[in-house]
N, C-alpha and C. Protein backbone atom coordinates (compact mmCIF):
# COMPACT_ATOMS: atom_id res chain seq x y z
N UNK A 1 5.05 -15.10 -7.68
CA UNK A 1 4.46 -14.89 -6.38
C UNK A 1 4.78 -13.48 -5.89
N UNK A 2 3.83 -12.87 -5.21
CA UNK A 2 4.00 -11.52 -4.70
C UNK A 2 4.82 -11.53 -3.40
N UNK A 3 5.73 -10.56 -3.28
CA UNK A 3 6.57 -10.45 -2.09
C UNK A 3 6.51 -9.03 -1.54
N UNK A 4 6.50 -8.93 -0.21
CA UNK A 4 6.54 -7.64 0.48
C UNK A 4 7.93 -7.53 1.09
N UNK A 5 8.69 -6.54 0.61
CA UNK A 5 10.07 -6.38 1.05
C UNK A 5 10.19 -5.08 1.83
N UNK A 6 10.74 -5.18 3.02
CA UNK A 6 10.96 -4.03 3.89
C UNK A 6 12.43 -3.64 3.79
N UNK A 7 12.69 -2.36 3.51
CA UNK A 7 14.06 -1.89 3.31
C UNK A 7 14.31 -0.70 4.24
N UNK A 8 15.17 -0.88 5.21
CA UNK A 8 15.56 0.20 6.12
C UNK A 8 16.74 0.92 5.48
N UNK A 9 16.60 2.25 5.31
CA UNK A 9 17.63 3.02 4.59
C UNK A 9 17.99 4.28 5.36
N UNK A 10 19.18 4.80 5.04
CA UNK A 10 19.56 6.11 5.55
C UNK A 10 18.65 7.14 4.89
N UNK A 11 18.22 8.12 5.65
CA UNK A 11 17.30 9.14 5.14
C UNK A 11 18.09 10.24 4.44
N UNK A 12 18.56 9.93 3.23
CA UNK A 12 19.35 10.86 2.43
C UNK A 12 18.65 11.14 1.10
N UNK A 13 18.90 12.33 0.52
CA UNK A 13 18.32 12.60 -0.80
C UNK A 13 18.81 11.58 -1.84
N UNK A 14 17.90 11.12 -2.68
CA UNK A 14 18.26 10.22 -3.77
C UNK A 14 18.20 8.74 -3.45
N UNK A 15 18.05 8.37 -2.19
CA UNK A 15 18.04 6.95 -1.83
C UNK A 15 16.83 6.24 -2.45
N UNK A 16 15.66 6.86 -2.35
CA UNK A 16 14.47 6.25 -2.94
C UNK A 16 14.64 6.08 -4.45
N UNK A 17 15.21 7.06 -5.11
CA UNK A 17 15.45 6.96 -6.55
C UNK A 17 16.40 5.81 -6.89
N UNK A 18 17.42 5.62 -6.06
CA UNK A 18 18.36 4.51 -6.30
C UNK A 18 17.69 3.16 -6.10
N UNK A 19 16.86 3.06 -5.07
CA UNK A 19 16.16 1.80 -4.81
C UNK A 19 15.18 1.50 -5.95
N UNK A 20 14.38 2.50 -6.33
CA UNK A 20 13.42 2.30 -7.43
C UNK A 20 14.15 2.04 -8.74
N UNK A 21 15.26 2.73 -8.97
CA UNK A 21 16.04 2.54 -10.18
C UNK A 21 16.62 1.15 -10.30
N UNK A 22 16.94 0.55 -9.17
CA UNK A 22 17.46 -0.81 -9.16
C UNK A 22 16.43 -1.77 -9.78
N UNK A 23 15.16 -1.54 -9.47
CA UNK A 23 14.10 -2.39 -10.02
C UNK A 23 13.93 -2.16 -11.52
N UNK A 24 13.85 -0.90 -11.93
CA UNK A 24 13.61 -0.61 -13.34
C UNK A 24 14.79 -1.01 -14.22
N UNK A 25 16.00 -0.85 -13.71
CA UNK A 25 17.18 -1.20 -14.50
C UNK A 25 17.23 -2.69 -14.83
N UNK A 26 16.62 -3.50 -14.00
CA UNK A 26 16.63 -4.95 -14.21
C UNK A 26 15.31 -5.48 -14.75
N UNK A 27 14.39 -4.57 -15.02
CA UNK A 27 13.10 -4.97 -15.60
C UNK A 27 12.14 -5.59 -14.60
N UNK A 28 12.33 -5.30 -13.31
CA UNK A 28 11.42 -5.82 -12.29
C UNK A 28 10.34 -4.77 -12.03
N UNK A 29 9.12 -5.24 -11.84
CA UNK A 29 8.00 -4.33 -11.61
C UNK A 29 7.80 -4.09 -10.12
N UNK A 30 7.46 -2.87 -9.78
CA UNK A 30 7.07 -2.52 -8.42
C UNK A 30 5.56 -2.41 -8.42
N UNK A 31 4.89 -3.26 -7.66
CA UNK A 31 3.43 -3.24 -7.55
C UNK A 31 2.97 -2.11 -6.64
N UNK A 32 3.73 -1.88 -5.57
CA UNK A 32 3.40 -0.87 -4.58
C UNK A 32 4.69 -0.39 -3.94
N UNK A 33 4.73 0.90 -3.60
CA UNK A 33 5.92 1.49 -3.01
C UNK A 33 5.48 2.52 -1.97
N UNK A 34 6.01 2.40 -0.78
CA UNK A 34 5.69 3.35 0.28
C UNK A 34 6.97 3.66 1.04
N UNK A 35 7.13 4.91 1.44
CA UNK A 35 8.32 5.29 2.20
C UNK A 35 7.91 6.31 3.26
N UNK A 36 8.51 6.18 4.44
CA UNK A 36 8.23 7.11 5.54
C UNK A 36 9.39 7.09 6.52
N UNK A 37 9.57 8.20 7.23
CA UNK A 37 10.63 8.22 8.24
C UNK A 37 10.28 7.29 9.41
N UNK A 38 11.29 6.90 10.14
CA UNK A 38 11.11 6.08 11.35
C UNK A 38 11.24 7.02 12.56
N UNK A 39 11.11 6.50 13.77
CA UNK A 39 11.33 7.37 14.94
C UNK A 39 12.72 8.01 14.95
N UNK A 40 13.69 7.37 14.32
CA UNK A 40 15.03 7.94 14.13
C UNK A 40 15.00 8.74 12.83
N UNK A 41 15.07 10.07 12.91
CA UNK A 41 14.94 10.94 11.73
C UNK A 41 16.01 10.70 10.67
N UNK A 42 17.08 10.00 11.01
CA UNK A 42 18.13 9.75 10.03
C UNK A 42 17.88 8.48 9.22
N UNK A 43 16.79 7.78 9.53
CA UNK A 43 16.49 6.49 8.90
C UNK A 43 15.05 6.50 8.39
N UNK A 44 14.83 5.90 7.22
CA UNK A 44 13.49 5.75 6.65
C UNK A 44 13.22 4.27 6.36
N UNK A 45 11.94 3.93 6.28
CA UNK A 45 11.52 2.57 5.94
C UNK A 45 10.82 2.62 4.59
N UNK A 46 11.31 1.81 3.68
CA UNK A 46 10.68 1.67 2.36
C UNK A 46 10.02 0.30 2.33
N UNK A 47 8.75 0.27 1.94
CA UNK A 47 8.05 -1.00 1.76
C UNK A 47 7.78 -1.15 0.27
N UNK A 48 8.29 -2.24 -0.31
CA UNK A 48 8.14 -2.51 -1.74
C UNK A 48 7.37 -3.81 -1.91
N UNK A 49 6.34 -3.77 -2.74
CA UNK A 49 5.63 -5.00 -3.10
C UNK A 49 5.99 -5.29 -4.55
N UNK A 50 6.50 -6.48 -4.79
CA UNK A 50 6.93 -6.88 -6.13
C UNK A 50 6.58 -8.34 -6.36
N UNK A 51 6.72 -8.79 -7.58
CA UNK A 51 6.43 -10.18 -7.90
C UNK A 51 7.64 -10.84 -8.53
N UNK A 52 7.74 -12.14 -8.32
CA UNK A 52 8.82 -12.88 -8.94
C UNK A 52 8.99 -14.23 -8.30
N UNK A 53 9.71 -15.09 -9.00
CA UNK A 53 10.01 -16.41 -8.42
C UNK A 53 11.15 -16.26 -7.43
N UNK A 54 11.54 -17.37 -6.82
CA UNK A 54 12.58 -17.34 -5.79
C UNK A 54 13.90 -16.75 -6.30
N UNK A 55 14.26 -17.08 -7.53
CA UNK A 55 15.53 -16.60 -8.09
C UNK A 55 15.49 -15.08 -8.25
N UNK A 56 14.40 -14.55 -8.76
CA UNK A 56 14.27 -13.10 -8.96
C UNK A 56 14.29 -12.38 -7.62
N UNK A 57 13.52 -12.87 -6.65
CA UNK A 57 13.47 -12.22 -5.34
C UNK A 57 14.84 -12.27 -4.66
N UNK A 58 15.54 -13.38 -4.78
CA UNK A 58 16.89 -13.49 -4.22
C UNK A 58 17.81 -12.46 -4.86
N UNK A 59 17.69 -12.29 -6.18
CA UNK A 59 18.51 -11.30 -6.89
C UNK A 59 18.17 -9.89 -6.42
N UNK A 60 16.88 -9.59 -6.26
CA UNK A 60 16.46 -8.27 -5.78
C UNK A 60 17.06 -8.00 -4.40
N UNK A 61 16.97 -8.98 -3.52
CA UNK A 61 17.49 -8.83 -2.15
C UNK A 61 19.00 -8.56 -2.18
N UNK A 62 19.72 -9.29 -3.00
CA UNK A 62 21.17 -9.10 -3.10
C UNK A 62 21.50 -7.71 -3.63
N UNK A 63 20.77 -7.28 -4.67
CA UNK A 63 21.03 -5.96 -5.25
C UNK A 63 20.70 -4.85 -4.26
N UNK A 64 19.61 -5.00 -3.51
CA UNK A 64 19.25 -3.99 -2.50
C UNK A 64 20.34 -3.89 -1.44
N UNK A 65 20.87 -5.00 -1.03
CA UNK A 65 21.92 -5.00 0.00
C UNK A 65 23.21 -4.35 -0.49
N UNK A 66 23.39 -4.21 -1.79
CA UNK A 66 24.59 -3.57 -2.34
C UNK A 66 24.50 -2.04 -2.32
N UNK A 67 23.28 -1.50 -2.19
CA UNK A 67 23.10 -0.05 -2.15
C UNK A 67 23.69 0.45 -0.82
N UNK A 68 24.59 1.39 -0.90
CA UNK A 68 25.36 1.84 0.27
C UNK A 68 24.46 2.31 1.42
N UNK A 69 23.40 3.04 1.10
CA UNK A 69 22.55 3.59 2.15
C UNK A 69 21.56 2.58 2.74
N UNK A 70 21.49 1.39 2.20
CA UNK A 70 20.58 0.37 2.71
C UNK A 70 21.18 -0.25 3.97
N UNK A 71 20.41 -0.22 5.05
CA UNK A 71 20.87 -0.74 6.33
C UNK A 71 20.39 -2.17 6.58
N UNK A 72 19.17 -2.49 6.10
CA UNK A 72 18.61 -3.82 6.34
C UNK A 72 17.53 -4.10 5.31
N UNK A 73 17.49 -5.35 4.82
CA UNK A 73 16.48 -5.78 3.86
C UNK A 73 15.83 -7.05 4.40
N UNK A 74 14.49 -7.06 4.46
CA UNK A 74 13.77 -8.23 4.96
C UNK A 74 12.62 -8.54 4.00
N UNK A 75 12.53 -9.80 3.59
CA UNK A 75 11.37 -10.26 2.81
C UNK A 75 10.31 -10.67 3.83
N UNK A 76 9.34 -9.78 4.07
CA UNK A 76 8.31 -10.04 5.08
C UNK A 76 7.38 -11.17 4.68
N UNK A 77 7.36 -11.51 3.41
CA UNK A 77 6.50 -12.59 2.92
C UNK A 77 6.81 -13.89 3.64
N UNK A 78 8.07 -14.06 4.02
CA UNK A 78 8.51 -15.28 4.68
C UNK A 78 8.30 -15.23 6.19
N UNK A 79 7.80 -14.11 6.72
CA UNK A 79 7.59 -13.94 8.14
C UNK A 79 6.12 -13.64 8.41
N UNK A 80 5.71 -13.86 9.66
CA UNK A 80 4.38 -13.46 10.08
C UNK A 80 4.37 -11.94 10.14
N UNK A 81 3.48 -11.31 9.39
CA UNK A 81 3.48 -9.85 9.32
C UNK A 81 2.07 -9.31 9.15
N UNK A 82 1.95 -8.00 9.31
CA UNK A 82 0.68 -7.29 9.15
C UNK A 82 0.84 -6.34 7.97
N UNK A 83 -0.15 -6.34 7.07
CA UNK A 83 -0.15 -5.42 5.93
C UNK A 83 -1.40 -4.54 5.98
N UNK A 84 -1.25 -3.30 5.57
CA UNK A 84 -2.38 -2.39 5.48
C UNK A 84 -2.16 -1.43 4.32
N UNK A 85 -3.28 -0.94 3.80
CA UNK A 85 -3.26 0.18 2.86
C UNK A 85 -4.52 0.98 3.10
N UNK A 86 -4.54 2.18 2.57
CA UNK A 86 -5.69 3.07 2.72
C UNK A 86 -6.15 3.50 1.34
N UNK A 87 -7.46 3.68 1.21
CA UNK A 87 -8.02 4.17 -0.04
C UNK A 87 -9.02 5.28 0.24
N UNK A 88 -9.04 6.25 -0.63
CA UNK A 88 -10.10 7.26 -0.66
C UNK A 88 -10.93 6.96 -1.90
N UNK A 89 -12.22 6.78 -1.71
CA UNK A 89 -13.11 6.39 -2.81
C UNK A 89 -14.25 7.39 -2.88
N UNK A 90 -14.35 8.07 -4.01
CA UNK A 90 -15.43 9.04 -4.22
C UNK A 90 -16.49 8.40 -5.11
N UNK A 91 -17.72 8.36 -4.62
CA UNK A 91 -18.80 7.74 -5.39
C UNK A 91 -19.90 8.77 -5.66
N UNK A 92 -20.65 8.51 -6.72
CA UNK A 92 -21.79 9.35 -7.08
C UNK A 92 -23.00 8.91 -6.26
N UNK A 93 -23.68 9.87 -5.63
CA UNK A 93 -24.86 9.56 -4.82
C UNK A 93 -25.92 10.62 -5.09
N UNK A 94 -26.55 10.53 -6.23
CA UNK A 94 -27.54 11.55 -6.61
C UNK A 94 -28.91 11.31 -6.00
N UNK A 95 -29.21 10.07 -5.67
CA UNK A 95 -30.53 9.73 -5.13
C UNK A 95 -30.41 9.35 -3.66
N UNK A 96 -31.47 9.61 -2.90
CA UNK A 96 -31.48 9.29 -1.47
C UNK A 96 -31.23 7.80 -1.23
N UNK A 97 -31.79 6.96 -2.09
CA UNK A 97 -31.61 5.51 -1.95
C UNK A 97 -30.12 5.13 -2.10
N UNK A 98 -29.44 5.76 -3.04
CA UNK A 98 -28.01 5.50 -3.23
C UNK A 98 -27.22 5.94 -2.00
N UNK A 99 -27.59 7.09 -1.43
CA UNK A 99 -26.89 7.60 -0.26
C UNK A 99 -27.06 6.64 0.92
N UNK A 100 -28.27 6.14 1.11
CA UNK A 100 -28.52 5.18 2.20
C UNK A 100 -27.72 3.90 2.00
N UNK A 101 -27.69 3.40 0.78
CA UNK A 101 -26.94 2.17 0.48
C UNK A 101 -25.44 2.40 0.68
N UNK A 102 -24.95 3.57 0.28
CA UNK A 102 -23.53 3.89 0.45
C UNK A 102 -23.16 3.92 1.93
N UNK A 103 -24.00 4.49 2.75
CA UNK A 103 -23.75 4.54 4.19
C UNK A 103 -23.76 3.13 4.78
N UNK A 104 -24.67 2.30 4.32
CA UNK A 104 -24.75 0.92 4.79
C UNK A 104 -23.45 0.15 4.45
N UNK A 105 -22.99 0.31 3.23
CA UNK A 105 -21.74 -0.35 2.81
C UNK A 105 -20.57 0.17 3.63
N UNK A 106 -20.53 1.48 3.87
CA UNK A 106 -19.46 2.07 4.68
C UNK A 106 -19.44 1.46 6.09
N UNK A 107 -20.60 1.30 6.66
CA UNK A 107 -20.69 0.71 8.01
C UNK A 107 -20.19 -0.73 8.02
N UNK A 108 -20.57 -1.51 7.01
CA UNK A 108 -20.14 -2.91 6.93
C UNK A 108 -18.62 -3.02 6.91
N UNK A 109 -17.97 -2.13 6.15
CA UNK A 109 -16.51 -2.20 5.99
C UNK A 109 -15.75 -1.26 6.93
N UNK A 110 -16.47 -0.65 7.86
CA UNK A 110 -15.87 0.30 8.81
C UNK A 110 -15.13 1.42 8.10
N UNK A 111 -15.72 1.89 7.02
CA UNK A 111 -15.17 3.02 6.29
C UNK A 111 -15.71 4.32 6.90
N UNK A 112 -14.96 5.38 6.77
CA UNK A 112 -15.39 6.69 7.26
C UNK A 112 -15.79 7.57 6.09
N UNK A 113 -16.84 8.32 6.26
CA UNK A 113 -17.22 9.32 5.27
C UNK A 113 -16.40 10.56 5.62
N UNK A 114 -15.50 10.95 4.73
CA UNK A 114 -14.60 12.08 5.00
C UNK A 114 -15.00 13.34 4.24
N UNK A 115 -15.94 13.19 3.29
CA UNK A 115 -16.44 14.36 2.56
C UNK A 115 -17.80 14.01 1.98
N UNK A 116 -18.65 15.01 1.92
CA UNK A 116 -20.00 14.80 1.40
C UNK A 116 -20.45 16.05 0.66
N UNK A 117 -21.01 15.85 -0.52
CA UNK A 117 -21.66 16.93 -1.27
C UNK A 117 -23.04 16.41 -1.65
N UNK A 118 -23.89 17.24 -2.21
CA UNK A 118 -25.19 16.72 -2.63
C UNK A 118 -25.09 15.62 -3.70
N UNK A 119 -23.96 15.54 -4.39
CA UNK A 119 -23.79 14.58 -5.48
C UNK A 119 -22.84 13.43 -5.17
N UNK A 120 -22.01 13.56 -4.13
CA UNK A 120 -20.97 12.55 -3.88
C UNK A 120 -20.76 12.29 -2.39
N UNK A 121 -20.22 11.13 -2.11
CA UNK A 121 -19.62 10.80 -0.81
C UNK A 121 -18.19 10.39 -1.10
N UNK A 122 -17.28 10.76 -0.19
CA UNK A 122 -15.92 10.26 -0.27
C UNK A 122 -15.66 9.46 1.00
N UNK A 123 -15.27 8.19 0.78
CA UNK A 123 -15.00 7.28 1.88
C UNK A 123 -13.50 7.09 2.06
N UNK A 124 -13.11 6.90 3.31
CA UNK A 124 -11.75 6.49 3.64
C UNK A 124 -11.86 5.09 4.23
N UNK A 125 -11.13 4.16 3.66
CA UNK A 125 -11.15 2.79 4.17
C UNK A 125 -9.72 2.29 4.30
N UNK A 126 -9.48 1.56 5.37
CA UNK A 126 -8.15 1.04 5.64
C UNK A 126 -8.26 -0.44 5.94
N UNK A 127 -7.26 -1.20 5.48
CA UNK A 127 -7.24 -2.64 5.73
C UNK A 127 -6.28 -3.33 4.80
N UNK A 128 -6.39 -4.64 4.73
CA UNK A 128 -5.53 -5.37 3.80
C UNK A 128 -6.06 -5.16 2.38
N UNK A 129 -5.27 -5.56 1.41
CA UNK A 129 -5.61 -5.33 0.01
C UNK A 129 -6.94 -5.98 -0.37
N UNK A 130 -7.24 -7.14 0.22
CA UNK A 130 -8.50 -7.83 -0.06
C UNK A 130 -9.71 -7.02 0.40
N UNK A 131 -9.61 -6.40 1.57
CA UNK A 131 -10.71 -5.58 2.07
C UNK A 131 -10.92 -4.36 1.18
N UNK A 132 -9.82 -3.72 0.79
CA UNK A 132 -9.92 -2.54 -0.08
C UNK A 132 -10.61 -2.92 -1.39
N UNK A 133 -10.22 -4.04 -1.98
CA UNK A 133 -10.82 -4.48 -3.23
C UNK A 133 -12.29 -4.84 -3.04
N UNK A 134 -12.64 -5.43 -1.90
CA UNK A 134 -14.03 -5.79 -1.63
C UNK A 134 -14.91 -4.53 -1.54
N UNK A 135 -14.42 -3.48 -0.89
CA UNK A 135 -15.17 -2.23 -0.81
C UNK A 135 -15.37 -1.65 -2.20
N UNK A 136 -14.31 -1.64 -2.99
CA UNK A 136 -14.39 -1.11 -4.35
C UNK A 136 -15.44 -1.90 -5.16
N UNK A 137 -15.40 -3.21 -5.05
CA UNK A 137 -16.36 -4.06 -5.78
C UNK A 137 -17.80 -3.76 -5.37
N UNK A 138 -18.03 -3.52 -4.07
CA UNK A 138 -19.39 -3.24 -3.58
C UNK A 138 -19.87 -1.86 -4.03
N UNK A 139 -18.94 -0.90 -4.13
CA UNK A 139 -19.32 0.47 -4.50
C UNK A 139 -19.39 0.70 -6.01
N UNK A 140 -18.75 -0.17 -6.77
CA UNK A 140 -18.67 -0.01 -8.23
C UNK A 140 -20.04 0.18 -8.89
N UNK A 141 -21.05 -0.62 -8.55
CA UNK A 141 -22.36 -0.45 -9.20
C UNK A 141 -22.98 0.93 -8.97
N UNK A 142 -22.58 1.63 -7.92
CA UNK A 142 -23.13 2.96 -7.63
C UNK A 142 -22.54 4.03 -8.54
N UNK A 143 -21.34 3.76 -9.04
CA UNK A 143 -20.66 4.74 -9.89
C UNK A 143 -19.50 5.38 -9.15
N UNK A 144 -18.34 4.78 -9.27
CA UNK A 144 -17.15 5.34 -8.64
C UNK A 144 -16.63 6.46 -9.53
N UNK A 145 -16.48 7.62 -8.92
CA UNK A 145 -15.99 8.78 -9.66
C UNK A 145 -14.46 8.84 -9.63
N UNK A 146 -13.88 8.46 -8.48
CA UNK A 146 -12.42 8.54 -8.34
C UNK A 146 -11.96 7.63 -7.21
N UNK A 147 -10.76 7.06 -7.38
CA UNK A 147 -10.14 6.24 -6.34
C UNK A 147 -8.67 6.65 -6.23
N UNK A 148 -8.20 6.78 -4.99
CA UNK A 148 -6.79 7.00 -4.72
C UNK A 148 -6.40 6.00 -3.64
N UNK A 149 -5.36 5.20 -3.92
CA UNK A 149 -4.90 4.20 -2.96
C UNK A 149 -3.46 4.47 -2.57
N UNK A 150 -3.16 4.22 -1.31
CA UNK A 150 -1.78 4.32 -0.86
C UNK A 150 -1.06 3.05 -1.26
N UNK A 151 0.24 3.06 -1.15
CA UNK A 151 0.99 1.82 -1.28
C UNK A 151 0.80 1.01 -0.01
N UNK A 152 1.02 -0.27 -0.09
CA UNK A 152 0.91 -1.11 1.10
C UNK A 152 2.06 -0.83 2.05
N UNK A 153 1.76 -0.90 3.31
CA UNK A 153 2.78 -0.87 4.34
C UNK A 153 2.71 -2.18 5.09
N UNK A 154 3.81 -2.58 5.68
CA UNK A 154 3.85 -3.86 6.39
C UNK A 154 4.84 -3.79 7.53
N UNK A 155 4.58 -4.61 8.53
CA UNK A 155 5.47 -4.69 9.69
C UNK A 155 5.44 -6.14 10.19
N UNK A 156 6.59 -6.62 10.60
CA UNK A 156 6.68 -7.99 11.12
C UNK A 156 6.01 -8.07 12.48
N UNK A 157 5.37 -9.21 12.72
CA UNK A 157 4.80 -9.45 14.05
C UNK A 157 5.92 -9.94 14.96
N UNK A 158 5.83 -9.56 16.23
CA UNK A 158 6.77 -10.08 17.22
C UNK A 158 6.30 -11.43 17.70
N UNK A 159 7.23 -12.26 18.09
CA UNK A 159 6.89 -13.57 18.66
C UNK A 159 6.21 -13.37 20.00
N UNK A 160 5.30 -14.26 20.32
CA UNK A 160 4.59 -14.15 21.61
C UNK A 160 5.46 -14.53 22.76
């Protein structure tokens, strides 16, 4: 099962390498990895998406908590949370009909056209992983030239 793990860490050189190394040293795969500073410049938030059964995830959580610079580890999968990722998708649009269809698809998925040439459109789309995959699937028949996706980010929802 896929898990989204939020790791609050001290913003020091090498912390990300130690966290990522913890996964590789034990043969665990990282599906997605994102890191960014928090409002406190001395602290960063790492979001890791990984897969494993309960025993593996428990082991990952324990190992993360042993890293000195780790301040807090939360498995967001067990909490109500919001996930997002962003993708830039460049498609081939050589014919006017393709360009019209591409714009229609962009409108359906609330994607933005961030670049345009006579031969291509580049879309920016943001949402959950399912939405990103749905846009890719709809644009694939047109001819995707390039895709770049961010890692997933996630945040816990507050109780009402």
